[in-house]
Amino acid sequence: MKAVRYHRYGGSDVLVHEDAERPVPGEGQVLVRVAATSFNPVDADIRGGFLSEVFPLTFPHTPGLDVAGTVAELGIGVDGRQVGDAVVAFLPMNADGAAAEYVLAPAGTLTAAPERAELTDAAALPVGGLTAWQALFDVAGLEAGQSILVNGAAGAVGGYAVQLAEQAGAVVTATARETSADRLRDYGAHRVIGYLDHSAAPPAAEGAPFDVVLNLAPTSAEETAALAGLVRDGGALVSTTTPPPDDPGRGIRGARVFVQSNAGQLAELVSRVDAGRLRIHVADRRPLTELAAVHDEAAAGKLPGKTVLIPG
């Protein structure tokens, strides 16, 4: 089979599209024929070796945490799946990923793919959707009637966060470029404002103070800390990027999100997609052979949004 792999840590130049041995499922594993994977910013951090102490790799390594595809083969002891089933999963961080024609997945990570979305596009759901869900509900504890600012709402996580927060009964303010404003309003944002001006501390934001500020933007440590000024006393400042202060003051909880694979939560997201309540936004679809270029575009801030990659 063909796969994109790297044999050492480094820049995007270490990513090589090459022949690889098709894996064989062991006990409790499922072999998935990959319809698509997607790019996540953490992929570049893992490739660069910045997370090697947390997620050590065995080389050569195949990236790709998101997978959408069909079951090709079942390992011993796997129940509840059949060959041909359409599935999605968030794969283990340091296992070989889905930037290949086939990938092994622990059976417990899999859930049925949404029926109301193209299977390739479903690869944009697991990591982004789970990050939004866990940030809002597991970490921030968002409740109906509360207000939330989603900073950096136009990206993959932000789009899901806006939809899920609105469905939870929160009043949602989102920051984004004007080009994304209509989409975010359609998702349920009550207010869309431009990017925050971090030259002021705290930056001004219409609707402040908020019960929850969810930061998805690549802010500096100082900019992230200043976001606490937009949070109501006793609220929450949650970030998926730069960690907020442990104790921002005024009874505010500061927390960073470390997303985890959770098949039950992923199944809930899929059910919302199939019910027409949660929309998957894919900005671009590229052949897997262009994965290195996608990494370069992401590093340069030129990636248009959530990008799925499709094996040839």
Protein backbone atom coordinates (compact mmCIF):
# COMPACT_ATOMS: atom_id res chain seq x y z
CA MET A 1 0.00 0.00 0.00
CA LYS A 2 0.98 3.66 -0.21
CA ALA A 3 1.43 5.80 2.87
CA VAL A 4 2.93 9.11 3.92
CA ARG A 5 5.57 8.43 6.57
CA TYR A 6 8.52 10.06 8.24
CA HIS A 7 11.65 8.31 9.47
CA ARG A 8 12.86 11.05 11.83
CA TYR A 9 11.58 14.23 13.45
CA GLY A 10 11.91 17.39 11.42
CA GLY A 11 10.24 19.83 9.06
CA SER A 12 7.70 19.03 6.38
CA ASP A 13 10.52 17.69 4.18
CA VAL A 14 10.64 14.51 6.29
CA LEU A 15 7.17 13.53 5.02
CA VAL A 16 7.56 10.96 2.25
CA HIS A 17 4.86 9.30 0.15
CA GLU A 18 6.16 5.75 -0.18
CA ASP A 19 5.37 2.06 -0.21
CA ALA A 20 4.53 0.51 3.14
CA GLU A 21 3.46 -2.91 4.27
CA ARG A 22 -0.27 -3.31 4.70
CA PRO A 23 -0.88 -3.87 8.43
CA VAL A 24 -2.58 -6.96 9.84
CA PRO A 25 -5.08 -6.52 12.69
CA GLY A 26 -4.19 -8.07 16.01
CA GLU A 27 -6.51 -8.92 18.86
CA GLY A 28 -9.03 -6.14 19.43
CA GLN A 29 -7.99 -4.27 16.30
CA VAL A 30 -9.79 -3.40 13.07
CA LEU A 31 -8.16 -2.80 9.70
CA VAL A 32 -9.79 0.21 8.07
CA ARG A 33 -9.56 1.04 4.38
CA VAL A 34 -9.05 4.79 4.53
CA ALA A 35 -11.44 7.05 2.65
CA ALA A 36 -9.81 10.17 4.09
CA THR A 37 -7.85 11.61 6.96
CA SER A 38 -7.42 15.28 7.85
CA PHE A 39 -4.77 17.73 8.99
CA ASN A 40 -4.71 18.87 12.61
CA PRO A 41 -2.20 21.40 13.98
CA VAL A 42 -0.96 18.86 16.52
CA ASP A 43 0.25 16.73 13.58
CA ALA A 44 2.97 19.30 12.93
CA ASP A 45 3.94 19.42 16.61
CA ILE A 46 4.30 15.63 16.72
CA ARG A 47 6.26 15.60 13.44
CA GLY A 48 8.61 18.27 14.74
CA GLY A 49 9.39 16.26 17.88
CA PHE A 50 7.92 18.86 20.23
CA LEU A 51 5.72 16.25 21.92
CA SER A 52 8.20 13.38 21.86
CA GLU A 53 8.26 13.02 25.66
CA VAL A 54 4.47 12.82 25.83
CA PHE A 55 3.83 10.86 22.63
CA PRO A 56 7.02 8.96 21.72
CA LEU A 57 7.01 7.50 18.22
CA THR A 58 8.41 4.39 16.60
CA PHE A 59 9.89 5.17 13.18
CA PRO A 60 8.89 5.09 10.43
CA HIS A 61 5.71 6.80 11.57
CA THR A 62 2.51 7.45 9.63
CA PRO A 63 0.61 10.60 10.77
CA GLY A 64 -3.13 11.24 10.65
CA LEU A 65 -5.28 11.17 13.80
CA ASP A 66 -8.65 11.41 12.06
CA VAL A 67 -9.92 8.54 9.97
CA ALA A 68 -13.04 7.89 7.96
CA GLY A 69 -13.25 4.68 5.99
CA THR A 70 -14.66 1.18 5.77
CA VAL A 71 -13.86 -1.94 7.76
CA ALA A 72 -11.58 -4.19 5.71
CA GLU A 73 -10.67 -6.88 8.24
CA LEU A 74 -11.43 -7.77 11.86
CA GLY A 75 -8.94 -8.91 14.46
CA ILE A 76 -9.59 -11.62 17.00
CA GLY A 77 -12.18 -10.74 19.61
CA VAL A 78 -13.80 -7.84 17.76
CA ASP A 79 -17.60 -7.86 17.98
CA GLY A 80 -20.19 -5.43 16.68
CA ARG A 81 -18.40 -4.62 13.41
CA GLN A 82 -18.63 -6.18 9.97
CA VAL A 83 -16.45 -5.92 6.90
CA GLY A 84 -17.78 -3.06 4.81
CA ASP A 85 -19.07 -0.96 7.73
CA ALA A 86 -18.44 2.76 7.32
CA VAL A 87 -16.65 4.06 10.41
CA VAL A 88 -14.90 7.10 11.87
CA ALA A 89 -12.38 7.38 14.70
CA PHE A 90 -9.88 9.52 16.55
CA LEU A 91 -6.79 7.30 16.49
CA PRO A 92 -4.19 7.03 19.29
CA MET A 93 -1.73 9.92 19.28
CA ASN A 94 1.48 7.91 18.90
CA ALA A 95 0.23 4.96 16.85
CA ASP A 96 0.50 4.86 13.06
CA GLY A 97 -2.22 7.06 11.63
CA ALA A 98 -4.49 7.28 8.63
CA ALA A 99 -2.24 9.03 6.08
CA ALA A 100 -2.26 5.74 4.20
CA GLU A 101 -4.49 3.45 2.22
CA TYR A 102 -5.10 1.26 5.29
CA VAL A 103 -4.78 1.83 9.03
CA LEU A 104 -5.19 -0.22 12.19
CA ALA A 105 -7.66 1.13 14.75
CA PRO A 106 -8.44 -0.16 18.24
CA ALA A 107 -12.00 -1.43 17.97
CA GLY A 108 -13.05 0.70 20.94
CA THR A 109 -12.20 3.93 19.14
CA LEU A 110 -14.56 3.32 16.23
CA THR A 111 -18.10 4.53 15.77
CA ALA A 112 -20.41 4.34 12.78
CA ALA A 113 -19.81 7.10 10.24
CA PRO A 114 -22.56 9.66 9.70
CA GLU A 115 -24.99 8.73 6.96
CA ARG A 116 -25.81 12.35 6.06
CA ALA A 117 -22.24 13.31 5.15
CA GLU A 118 -19.82 12.18 2.48
CA LEU A 119 -17.52 9.58 4.00
CA THR A 120 -14.43 11.56 3.01
CA ASP A 121 -15.80 14.69 4.71
CA ALA A 122 -16.53 12.74 7.88
CA ALA A 123 -12.75 12.69 8.46
CA ALA A 124 -13.15 16.33 9.54
CA LEU A 125 -15.33 15.37 12.50
CA PRO A 126 -13.48 13.33 15.16
CA VAL A 127 -10.65 15.52 16.48
CA GLY A 128 -12.33 18.87 15.85
CA GLY A 129 -15.72 17.79 17.13
CA LEU A 130 -14.35 16.07 20.22
CA THR A 131 -12.12 19.03 21.05
CA ALA A 132 -15.14 21.34 20.96
CA TRP A 133 -17.33 18.98 22.99
CA GLN A 134 -14.73 18.37 25.71
CA ALA A 135 -13.74 22.06 25.91
CA LEU A 136 -17.33 23.22 26.33
CA PHE A 137 -18.80 20.56 28.57
CA ASP A 138 -16.04 18.52 30.24
CA VAL A 139 -13.70 21.45 30.94
CA ALA A 140 -15.73 24.69 30.93
CA GLY A 141 -18.95 23.12 32.22
CA LEU A 142 -21.05 25.32 29.91
CA GLU A 143 -24.73 25.50 30.86
CA ALA A 144 -27.93 26.85 29.33
CA GLY A 145 -28.36 30.58 29.77
CA GLN A 146 -24.64 31.30 30.04
CA SER A 147 -22.70 33.50 27.64
CA ILE A 148 -19.58 32.37 25.78
CA LEU A 149 -16.96 34.02 23.60
CA VAL A 150 -15.42 31.67 21.04
CA ASN A 151 -12.15 33.33 20.04
CA GLY A 152 -11.01 32.05 16.65
CA ALA A 153 -14.36 30.55 15.69
CA ALA A 154 -13.82 30.16 11.95
CA GLY A 155 -11.65 27.05 12.20
CA ALA A 156 -12.66 23.42 12.51
CA VAL A 157 -12.98 23.41 16.30
CA GLY A 158 -14.66 26.81 16.35
CA GLY A 159 -17.40 25.84 13.95
CA TYR A 160 -18.34 22.86 16.09
CA ALA A 161 -18.03 24.90 19.31
CA VAL A 162 -20.45 27.55 18.05
CA GLN A 163 -23.02 24.94 17.03
CA LEU A 164 -22.75 22.89 20.23
CA ALA A 165 -22.81 25.93 22.50
CA GLU A 166 -25.91 27.31 20.82
CA GLN A 167 -27.62 23.92 21.07
CA ALA A 168 -26.78 23.86 24.79
CA GLY A 169 -28.73 27.10 25.23
CA ALA A 170 -25.78 29.46 25.57
CA VAL A 171 -25.56 32.97 24.09
CA VAL A 172 -22.66 32.76 21.64
CA THR A 173 -20.30 35.53 20.54
CA ALA A 174 -17.71 34.52 17.95
CA THR A 175 -14.60 36.22 16.60
CA ALA A 176 -13.83 35.66 12.93
CA ARG A 177 -13.11 37.37 9.64
CA GLU A 178 -16.12 38.84 7.85
CA THR A 179 -15.79 36.10 5.21
CA SER A 180 -16.82 33.53 7.84
CA ALA A 181 -19.45 35.64 9.62
CA ASP A 182 -22.49 34.43 7.69
CA ARG A 183 -21.55 30.77 8.19
CA LEU A 184 -21.11 31.26 11.93
CA ARG A 185 -24.41 33.13 12.24
CA ASP A 186 -26.03 30.27 10.36
CA TYR A 187 -24.47 27.90 12.91
CA GLY A 188 -26.17 29.81 15.71
CA ALA A 189 -23.75 32.56 16.76
CA HIS A 190 -25.78 35.42 18.23
CA ARG A 191 -23.01 37.92 17.55
CA VAL A 192 -19.95 37.81 15.26
CA ILE A 193 -17.21 40.36 15.89
CA GLY A 194 -13.84 40.88 14.22
CA TYR A 195 -10.55 39.73 15.62
CA LEU A 196 -9.69 41.01 19.08
CA ASP A 197 -7.27 43.92 19.36
CA HIS A 198 -4.64 42.56 21.70
CA SER A 199 -2.86 45.90 21.95
CA ALA A 200 -5.33 46.64 24.74
CA ALA A 201 -5.34 44.53 27.90
CA PRO A 202 -7.94 43.25 28.16
CA PRO A 203 -9.08 43.57 24.55
CA ALA A 204 -12.51 45.04 23.99
CA ALA A 205 -15.29 42.65 22.99
CA GLU A 206 -18.95 43.44 22.57
CA GLY A 207 -21.01 41.39 25.00
CA ALA A 208 -18.32 41.13 27.69
CA PRO A 209 -18.06 39.95 30.38
CA PHE A 210 -18.72 36.31 29.44
CA ASP A 211 -19.31 33.28 31.61
CA VAL A 212 -16.88 31.33 29.43
CA VAL A 213 -14.11 32.41 27.06
CA LEU A 214 -12.94 29.61 24.78
CA ASN A 215 -9.66 30.54 23.11
CA LEU A 216 -8.86 28.70 19.89
CA ALA A 217 -6.51 31.33 18.45
CA PRO A 218 -2.68 31.18 18.51
CA THR A 219 -2.26 33.83 21.20
CA SER A 220 0.88 34.61 23.18
CA ALA A 221 1.08 33.89 26.91
CA GLU A 222 0.42 37.56 27.65
CA GLU A 223 -2.53 37.76 25.24
CA THR A 224 -4.04 34.58 26.66
CA ALA A 225 -3.73 35.85 30.22
CA ALA A 226 -5.36 39.16 29.21
CA LEU A 227 -8.44 37.28 27.99
CA ALA A 228 -9.32 36.76 31.66
CA GLY A 229 -10.41 40.39 31.63
CA LEU A 230 -13.31 39.35 29.40
CA VAL A 231 -14.50 36.67 31.84
CA ARG A 232 -17.13 37.25 34.48
CA ASP A 233 -16.15 36.70 38.13
CA GLY A 234 -16.30 32.98 38.80
CA GLY A 235 -16.31 32.09 35.09
CA ALA A 236 -13.94 29.99 33.00
CA LEU A 237 -11.06 30.78 30.63
CA VAL A 238 -10.35 27.71 28.52
CA SER A 239 -7.73 27.45 25.78
CA THR A 240 -6.79 24.81 23.22
CA THR A 241 -3.58 26.68 22.34
CA THR A 242 -1.47 28.64 24.83
CA PRO A 243 -2.28 27.62 28.43
CA PRO A 244 -4.08 30.28 30.50
CA PRO A 245 -2.84 31.14 33.99
CA ASP A 246 -3.64 28.52 36.62
CA ASP A 247 -5.27 31.21 38.76
CA PRO A 248 -6.43 34.19 36.69
CA GLY A 249 -7.99 35.76 39.80
CA ARG A 250 -11.58 36.77 40.65
CA GLY A 251 -12.51 33.13 41.08
CA ILE A 252 -11.95 32.42 37.37
CA ARG A 253 -10.95 28.88 36.41
CA GLY A 254 -8.12 28.67 33.88
CA ALA A 255 -7.70 25.41 31.95
CA ARG A 256 -6.07 24.05 28.83
CA VAL A 257 -7.83 21.42 26.73
CA PHE A 258 -6.11 18.11 26.03
CA VAL A 259 -8.49 16.28 23.71
CA GLN A 260 -8.97 12.55 24.16
CA SER A 261 -10.50 9.89 21.96
CA ASN A 262 -13.99 9.05 23.18
CA ALA A 263 -16.17 6.82 21.01
CA GLY A 264 -19.31 7.57 23.02
CA GLN A 265 -18.98 11.31 22.56
CA LEU A 266 -18.09 10.80 18.90
CA ALA A 267 -21.24 8.73 18.44
CA GLU A 268 -23.26 11.62 19.91
CA LEU A 269 -21.66 14.01 17.42
CA VAL A 270 -22.46 11.61 14.57
CA SER A 271 -26.08 11.37 15.72
CA ARG A 272 -26.34 15.16 15.58
CA VAL A 273 -24.92 15.19 12.07
CA ASP A 274 -27.47 12.60 10.99
CA ALA A 275 -30.25 14.58 12.67
CA GLY A 276 -29.23 17.67 10.70
CA ARG A 277 -28.24 19.54 13.87
CA LEU A 278 -24.46 19.54 13.40
CA ARG A 279 -22.78 20.51 10.17
CA ILE A 280 -19.32 19.45 9.04
CA HIS A 281 -17.39 22.19 7.28
CA VAL A 282 -14.57 21.16 4.95
CA ALA A 283 -12.57 24.01 3.47
CA ASP A 284 -10.47 21.91 1.09
CA ARG A 285 -10.05 18.36 -0.18
CA ARG A 286 -6.57 17.33 -1.30
CA PRO A 287 -4.82 14.17 -2.44
CA LEU A 288 -2.72 12.53 0.24
CA THR A 289 0.37 13.13 -1.87
CA GLU A 290 0.06 16.84 -0.99
CA LEU A 291 0.30 16.32 2.77
CA ALA A 292 3.73 17.99 3.04
CA ALA A 293 2.40 21.04 1.20
CA VAL A 294 -0.56 21.17 3.62
CA HIS A 295 1.88 21.19 6.55
CA ASP A 296 3.77 24.07 4.91
CA GLU A 297 0.60 26.06 4.29
CA ALA A 298 -0.50 25.56 7.88
CA ALA A 299 2.88 26.77 9.17
CA ALA A 300 2.61 29.87 6.98
CA GLY A 301 -0.96 30.59 8.14
CA LYS A 302 -2.27 30.01 4.62
CA LEU A 303 -4.36 26.89 5.11
CA PRO A 304 -7.95 27.87 4.23
CA GLY A 305 -9.50 25.81 7.01
CA LYS A 306 -10.17 22.16 7.75
CA THR A 307 -8.48 20.13 5.03
CA VAL A 308 -9.16 16.47 4.35
CA LEU A 309 -6.66 14.29 2.54
CA ILE A 310 -7.71 11.45 0.30
CA PRO A 311 -5.52 8.48 -0.66
CA GLY A 312 -5.04 8.02 -4.39
